[in-house]
C-alpha cells in the first residue's frame, strides 16, 4: 500500500478529545502524503474531499494485516477512500 495520511472529518464545531478521537468524528479518510512534507496530506482525500479542514489522525498500523483506519472507528471509515486504496 502506498504511504498515506489518515484524516478525521469532524462534525461542525467539534474538536478532538484528549485521546485523539471522539464523538465528533464523522468520517475517517485517507490521502496521499505530500512529497515535500511526508507528514502532511495532499490537497484532496482519495474520495476527492478537501483535506484542509480535516484533522490529522496520526494513526499508522503497527502490524501487518491491520486496517488503514483506527480499528475503533471502523463504522466511520470512508468506503470511497477504502475502494481507492485497494486500487493502489
C-alpha atoms as a PDB file:
ATOM      1  CA  UNK A   1       0.000   0.000   0.000  1.00  0.00           C
ATOM      2  CA  UNK A   2       1.219   3.499  -0.785  1.00  0.00           C
ATOM      3  CA  UNK A   3       2.161   5.843   2.041  1.00  0.00           C
ATOM      4  CA  UNK A   4      -0.993   7.552   3.245  1.00  0.00           C
ATOM      5  CA  UNK A   5      -2.110  10.099   5.800  1.00  0.00           C
ATOM      6  CA  UNK A   6      -5.221   9.221   7.805  1.00  0.00           C
ATOM      7  CA  UNK A   7      -7.552  12.157   8.466  1.00  0.00           C
ATOM      8  CA  UNK A   8     -10.621  12.785  10.590  1.00  0.00           C
ATOM      9  CA  UNK A   9     -13.604  14.657   9.205  1.00  0.00           C
ATOM     10  CA  UNK A  10     -15.197  16.296  12.226  1.00  0.00           C
ATOM     11  CA  UNK A  11     -18.750  17.435  12.820  1.00  0.00           C
ATOM     12  CA  UNK A  12     -19.132  21.227  12.703  1.00  0.00           C
ATOM     13  CA  UNK A  13     -17.921  22.962  15.864  1.00  0.00           C
ATOM     14  CA  UNK A  14     -16.333  19.765  17.219  1.00  0.00           C
ATOM     15  CA  UNK A  15     -12.791  19.157  18.384  1.00  0.00           C
ATOM     16  CA  UNK A  16     -10.812  16.004  19.010  1.00  0.00           C
ATOM     17  CA  UNK A  17     -10.885  14.722  22.563  1.00  0.00           C
ATOM     18  CA  UNK A  18      -7.790  14.206  24.717  1.00  0.00           C
ATOM     19  CA  UNK A  19      -7.406  10.648  23.418  1.00  0.00           C
ATOM     20  CA  UNK A  20      -7.340  11.870  19.814  1.00  0.00           C
ATOM     21  CA  UNK A  21     -10.793  10.598  18.881  1.00  0.00           C
ATOM     22  CA  UNK A  22     -14.271  11.385  19.984  1.00  0.00           C
ATOM     23  CA  UNK A  23     -17.921  11.594  19.085  1.00  0.00           C
ATOM     24  CA  UNK A  24     -17.198  14.482  16.718  1.00  0.00           C
ATOM     25  CA  UNK A  25     -15.546  12.176  14.150  1.00  0.00           C
ATOM     26  CA  UNK A  26     -17.973  11.942  11.236  1.00  0.00           C
ATOM     27  CA  UNK A  27     -15.670  10.009   8.908  1.00  0.00           C
ATOM     28  CA  UNK A  28     -12.124   8.703   8.602  1.00  0.00           C
ATOM     29  CA  UNK A  29     -10.493   9.497   5.265  1.00  0.00           C
ATOM     30  CA  UNK A  30      -7.170   8.753   3.594  1.00  0.00           C
ATOM     31  CA  UNK A  31      -4.968  10.966   1.436  1.00  0.00           C
ATOM     32  CA  UNK A  32      -1.606  10.535  -0.196  1.00  0.00           C
ATOM     33  CA  UNK A  33       1.429  12.007   1.513  1.00  0.00           C
ATOM     34  CA  UNK A  34       2.739  15.352   0.341  1.00  0.00           C
ATOM     35  CA  UNK A  35       6.013  14.511  -1.421  1.00  0.00           C
ATOM     36  CA  UNK A  36       7.738  17.587   0.051  1.00  0.00           C
ATOM     37  CA  UNK A  37       6.406  17.189   3.619  1.00  0.00           C
ATOM     38  CA  UNK A  38       5.584  13.475   4.206  1.00  0.00           C
ATOM     39  CA  UNK A  39       3.723  14.159   7.475  1.00  0.00           C
ATOM     40  CA  UNK A  40       1.266  16.380   5.567  1.00  0.00           C
ATOM     41  CA  UNK A  41      -1.533  15.130   3.303  1.00  0.00           C
ATOM     42  CA  UNK A  42      -2.007  16.085  -0.304  1.00  0.00           C
ATOM     43  CA  UNK A  43      -4.777  18.612  -1.015  1.00  0.00           C
ATOM     44  CA  UNK A  44      -7.512  16.015  -1.608  1.00  0.00           C
ATOM     45  CA  UNK A  45      -8.528  12.742   0.014  1.00  0.00           C
ATOM     46  CA  UNK A  46      -8.781   9.634  -2.135  1.00  0.00           C
ATOM     47  CA  UNK A  47     -12.551  10.255  -2.296  1.00  0.00           C
ATOM     48  CA  UNK A  48     -11.997  13.825  -3.535  1.00  0.00           C
ATOM     49  CA  UNK A  49     -12.640  15.946  -0.424  1.00  0.00           C
ATOM     50  CA  UNK A  50     -10.503  18.938   0.571  1.00  0.00           C
ATOM     51  CA  UNK A  51      -8.084  17.915   3.335  1.00  0.00           C
ATOM     52  CA  UNK A  52      -7.586  21.449   4.722  1.00  0.00           C
ATOM     53  CA  UNK A  53     -10.482  21.375   7.233  1.00  0.00           C
ATOM     54  CA  UNK A  54      -9.682  17.826   8.404  1.00  0.00           C
ATOM     55  CA  UNK A  55      -7.691  16.788  11.454  1.00  0.00           C
ATOM     56  CA  UNK A  56      -4.605  14.608  11.130  1.00  0.00           C
ATOM     57  CA  UNK A  57      -5.271  11.279  12.881  1.00  0.00           C
ATOM     58  CA  UNK A  58      -1.568  10.473  13.436  1.00  0.00           C
ATOM     59  CA  UNK A  59      -2.564   6.838  13.006  1.00  0.00           C
ATOM     60  CA  UNK A  60      -0.384   4.194  11.410  1.00  0.00           C
ATOM     61  CA  UNK A  61      -0.985   0.438  11.506  1.00  0.00           C
ATOM     62  CA  UNK A  62       1.537  -1.246  13.781  1.00  0.00           C
ATOM     63  CA  UNK A  63       1.277  -4.796  12.416  1.00  0.00           C
ATOM     64  CA  UNK A  64       0.679  -6.396   9.034  1.00  0.00           C
ATOM     65  CA  UNK A  65      -2.990  -7.009   8.363  1.00  0.00           C
ATOM     66  CA  UNK A  66      -4.223  -4.087  10.454  1.00  0.00           C
ATOM     67  CA  UNK A  67      -6.664  -1.728   8.737  1.00  0.00           C
ATOM     68  CA  UNK A  68      -5.631   1.650   7.329  1.00  0.00           C
ATOM     69  CA  UNK A  69      -8.040   3.373   9.756  1.00  0.00           C
ATOM     70  CA  UNK A  70      -8.117   3.223  13.588  1.00  0.00           C
ATOM     71  CA  UNK A  71      -9.957  -0.064  14.317  1.00  0.00           C
ATOM     72  CA  UNK A  72     -12.315   1.560  16.829  1.00  0.00           C
ATOM     73  CA  UNK A  73     -13.588   3.819  14.021  1.00  0.00           C
ATOM     74  CA  UNK A  74     -14.453   1.051  11.565  1.00  0.00           C
ATOM     75  CA  UNK A  75     -18.026   2.292  11.150  1.00  0.00           C
ATOM     76  CA  UNK A  76     -16.813   5.807  10.301  1.00  0.00           C
ATOM     77  CA  UNK A  77     -14.262   4.787   7.638  1.00  0.00           C
ATOM     78  CA  UNK A  78     -14.854   6.302   4.218  1.00  0.00           C
ATOM     79  CA  UNK A  79     -15.824   3.497   1.873  1.00  0.00           C
ATOM     80  CA  UNK A  80     -14.794   5.530  -1.182  1.00  0.00           C
ATOM     81  CA  UNK A  81     -11.297   6.109   0.227  1.00  0.00           C
ATOM     82  CA  UNK A  82     -11.106   2.396   1.016  1.00  0.00           C
ATOM     83  CA  UNK A  83     -12.034   1.409  -2.542  1.00  0.00           C
ATOM     84  CA  UNK A  84      -9.393   3.813  -3.899  1.00  0.00           C
ATOM     85  CA  UNK A  85      -6.759   2.381  -1.532  1.00  0.00           C
ATOM     86  CA  UNK A  86      -7.442  -1.152  -2.756  1.00  0.00           C
ATOM     87  CA  UNK A  87      -6.814   0.046  -6.310  1.00  0.00           C
ATOM     88  CA  UNK A  88      -3.330   1.377  -5.479  1.00  0.00           C
END
